[in-house]
Amino acid sequence: MAEDLDQTIRENAQGPKRAQGDSGSVEQHPLTEQIEAVRHLASKEAAKQKLGVRMTKVVPPGAV
């Protein structure tokens, strides 16, 4: 999914911001908003994986 978004952003960055023709006009979201969307989705995906910091206490054998 992230690779698809990365590819879409690359294509959008290479193309025009606005296109106009006989059938109407089209304008893309600004590149900064597209990048923020990718960051947001990546953050949501990372949160699903639950790879947070885990704290444990190590007690050596024989210690009470």
N, C-alpha and C. Protein backbone atom coordinates (compact mmCIF):
# COMPACT_ATOMS: atom_id res chain seq x y z
N MET A 1 0.82 -1.19 0.00
CA MET A 1 0.00 0.00 0.00
C MET A 1 0.86 1.25 0.00
N ALA A 2 1.89 1.28 0.83
CA ALA A 2 2.76 2.46 0.90
C ALA A 2 3.51 2.66 -0.41
N GLU A 3 3.90 1.55 -1.04
CA GLU A 3 4.61 1.67 -2.31
C GLU A 3 3.70 2.26 -3.38
N ASP A 4 2.42 1.88 -3.35
CA ASP A 4 1.47 2.45 -4.31
C ASP A 4 1.34 3.95 -4.10
N LEU A 5 1.25 4.38 -2.85
CA LEU A 5 1.15 5.81 -2.56
C LEU A 5 2.42 6.54 -2.95
N ASP A 6 3.58 5.92 -2.67
CA ASP A 6 4.84 6.55 -3.05
C ASP A 6 4.91 6.73 -4.56
N GLN A 7 4.49 5.71 -5.30
CA GLN A 7 4.50 5.80 -6.77
C GLN A 7 3.54 6.89 -7.24
N THR A 8 2.37 6.97 -6.63
CA THR A 8 1.39 8.00 -7.00
C THR A 8 1.95 9.39 -6.75
N ILE A 9 2.61 9.58 -5.63
CA ILE A 9 3.19 10.89 -5.32
C ILE A 9 4.27 11.24 -6.34
N ARG A 10 5.10 10.26 -6.69
CA ARG A 10 6.15 10.51 -7.70
C ARG A 10 5.52 10.95 -9.03
N GLU A 11 4.47 10.25 -9.43
CA GLU A 11 3.81 10.60 -10.69
C GLU A 11 3.16 11.98 -10.62
N ASN A 12 2.53 12.28 -9.48
CA ASN A 12 1.89 13.59 -9.32
C ASN A 12 2.92 14.72 -9.32
N ALA A 13 4.08 14.46 -8.73
CA ALA A 13 5.12 15.49 -8.68
C ALA A 13 5.68 15.79 -10.07
N GLN A 14 5.68 14.79 -10.94
CA GLN A 14 6.20 14.99 -12.28
C GLN A 14 5.18 15.65 -13.20
N GLY A 15 3.92 15.50 -12.88
CA GLY A 15 2.86 16.05 -13.72
C GLY A 15 2.51 17.48 -13.33
N PRO A 16 1.59 18.08 -14.07
CA PRO A 16 1.17 19.45 -13.77
C PRO A 16 0.27 19.49 -12.54
N LYS A 17 0.26 20.63 -11.87
CA LYS A 17 -0.62 20.80 -10.71
C LYS A 17 -2.07 20.91 -11.18
N ARG A 18 -2.27 21.59 -12.29
CA ARG A 18 -3.63 21.81 -12.81
C ARG A 18 -3.65 21.52 -14.30
N ALA A 19 -4.71 20.86 -14.74
CA ALA A 19 -4.89 20.58 -16.16
C ALA A 19 -6.28 21.04 -16.56
N GLN A 20 -6.37 21.62 -17.74
CA GLN A 20 -7.65 22.12 -18.22
C GLN A 20 -7.83 21.70 -19.67
N GLY A 21 -9.04 21.27 -19.98
CA GLY A 21 -9.34 20.85 -21.34
C GLY A 21 -10.78 21.21 -21.68
N ASP A 22 -11.25 20.70 -22.81
CA ASP A 22 -12.62 20.97 -23.25
C ASP A 22 -13.66 20.42 -22.28
N SER A 23 -13.34 19.30 -21.64
CA SER A 23 -14.32 18.66 -20.75
C SER A 23 -14.27 19.22 -19.33
N GLY A 24 -13.35 20.09 -19.02
CA GLY A 24 -13.27 20.68 -17.68
C GLY A 24 -11.84 20.79 -17.22
N SER A 25 -11.67 21.00 -15.91
CA SER A 25 -10.32 21.14 -15.37
C SER A 25 -10.16 20.23 -14.16
N VAL A 26 -8.91 19.88 -13.89
CA VAL A 26 -8.57 19.01 -12.78
C VAL A 26 -7.41 19.64 -12.03
N GLU A 27 -7.49 19.61 -10.70
CA GLU A 27 -6.39 20.13 -9.89
C GLU A 27 -6.06 19.10 -8.83
N GLN A 28 -4.77 18.83 -8.64
CA GLN A 28 -4.33 17.85 -7.65
C GLN A 28 -4.18 18.51 -6.28
N HIS A 29 -4.19 17.66 -5.24
CA HIS A 29 -3.88 18.16 -3.91
C HIS A 29 -2.42 18.59 -3.90
N PRO A 30 -2.08 19.59 -3.10
CA PRO A 30 -0.67 20.01 -3.03
C PRO A 30 0.22 18.85 -2.59
N LEU A 31 1.45 18.86 -3.05
CA LEU A 31 2.40 17.80 -2.75
C LEU A 31 2.60 17.64 -1.24
N THR A 32 2.61 18.74 -0.51
CA THR A 32 2.78 18.66 0.95
C THR A 32 1.64 17.88 1.59
N GLU A 33 0.41 18.06 1.11
CA GLU A 33 -0.73 17.32 1.65
C GLU A 33 -0.63 15.84 1.30
N GLN A 34 -0.11 15.52 0.13
CA GLN A 34 0.05 14.12 -0.26
C GLN A 34 1.09 13.43 0.63
N ILE A 35 2.18 14.15 0.91
CA ILE A 35 3.22 13.59 1.77
C ILE A 35 2.68 13.38 3.18
N GLU A 36 1.93 14.33 3.69
CA GLU A 36 1.33 14.19 5.02
C GLU A 36 0.38 13.00 5.07
N ALA A 37 -0.36 12.77 4.00
CA ALA A 37 -1.27 11.63 3.95
C ALA A 37 -0.49 10.32 4.03
N VAL A 38 0.63 10.23 3.33
CA VAL A 38 1.45 9.03 3.38
C VAL A 38 2.00 8.83 4.79
N ARG A 39 2.46 9.89 5.42
CA ARG A 39 2.98 9.79 6.79
C ARG A 39 1.90 9.33 7.75
N HIS A 40 0.70 9.87 7.60
CA HIS A 40 -0.41 9.50 8.47
C HIS A 40 -0.75 8.02 8.31
N LEU A 41 -0.84 7.56 7.08
CA LEU A 41 -1.17 6.16 6.84
C LEU A 41 -0.06 5.22 7.34
N ALA A 42 1.19 5.64 7.18
CA ALA A 42 2.31 4.84 7.68
C ALA A 42 2.27 4.77 9.21
N SER A 43 1.90 5.87 9.84
CA SER A 43 1.79 5.90 11.29
C SER A 43 0.69 4.96 11.78
N LYS A 44 -0.44 4.97 11.08
CA LYS A 44 -1.54 4.07 11.44
C LYS A 44 -1.12 2.61 11.26
N GLU A 45 -0.40 2.32 10.21
CA GLU A 45 0.06 0.95 9.96
C GLU A 45 1.05 0.50 11.04
N ALA A 46 1.93 1.39 11.44
CA ALA A 46 2.90 1.05 12.49
C ALA A 46 2.20 0.82 13.82
N ALA A 47 1.16 1.58 14.10
CA ALA A 47 0.42 1.41 15.35
C ALA A 47 -0.29 0.06 15.38
N LYS A 48 -0.71 -0.45 14.23
CA LYS A 48 -1.37 -1.75 14.17
C LYS A 48 -0.41 -2.87 14.53
N GLN A 49 0.86 -2.70 14.23
CA GLN A 49 1.84 -3.76 14.46
C GLN A 49 2.24 -3.87 15.92
N LYS A 50 1.94 -2.88 16.71
CA LYS A 50 2.22 -2.89 18.16
C LYS A 50 3.68 -3.20 18.46
N LEU A 51 4.57 -2.49 17.84
CA LEU A 51 5.99 -2.69 18.06
C LEU A 51 6.53 -1.64 19.03
N GLY A 52 5.81 -1.39 20.07
CA GLY A 52 6.22 -0.40 21.05
C GLY A 52 7.36 -0.90 21.92
N VAL A 53 7.79 -0.08 22.83
CA VAL A 53 8.88 -0.42 23.74
C VAL A 53 8.30 -1.29 24.86
N ARG A 54 8.97 -2.37 25.15
CA ARG A 54 8.54 -3.26 26.22
C ARG A 54 9.57 -3.20 27.34
N MET A 55 9.10 -2.90 28.53
CA MET A 55 9.99 -2.80 29.69
C MET A 55 9.89 -4.11 30.49
N THR A 56 11.04 -4.68 30.80
CA THR A 56 11.08 -5.88 31.64
C THR A 56 12.15 -5.72 32.69
N LYS A 57 11.99 -6.42 33.78
CA LYS A 57 12.96 -6.37 34.85
C LYS A 57 13.68 -7.70 34.87
N VAL A 58 15.00 -7.67 34.79
CA VAL A 58 15.80 -8.88 34.80
C VAL A 58 16.28 -9.12 36.22
N VAL A 59 15.96 -10.31 36.74
CA VAL A 59 16.39 -10.68 38.09
C VAL A 59 17.35 -11.84 37.96
N PRO A 60 18.61 -11.67 38.38
CA PRO A 60 19.56 -12.76 38.26
C PRO A 60 19.22 -13.91 39.22
N PRO A 61 19.59 -15.14 38.87
CA PRO A 61 19.27 -16.27 39.74
C PRO A 61 19.97 -16.13 41.11
N GLY A 62 19.28 -16.50 42.15
CA GLY A 62 19.84 -16.42 43.50
C GLY A 62 19.54 -15.08 44.18
N ALA A 63 19.08 -14.10 43.46
CA ALA A 63 18.75 -12.81 44.08
C ALA A 63 17.32 -12.88 44.60
N VAL A 64 17.10 -12.26 45.72
CA VAL A 64 15.77 -12.26 46.32
C VAL A 64 15.20 -10.88 46.36
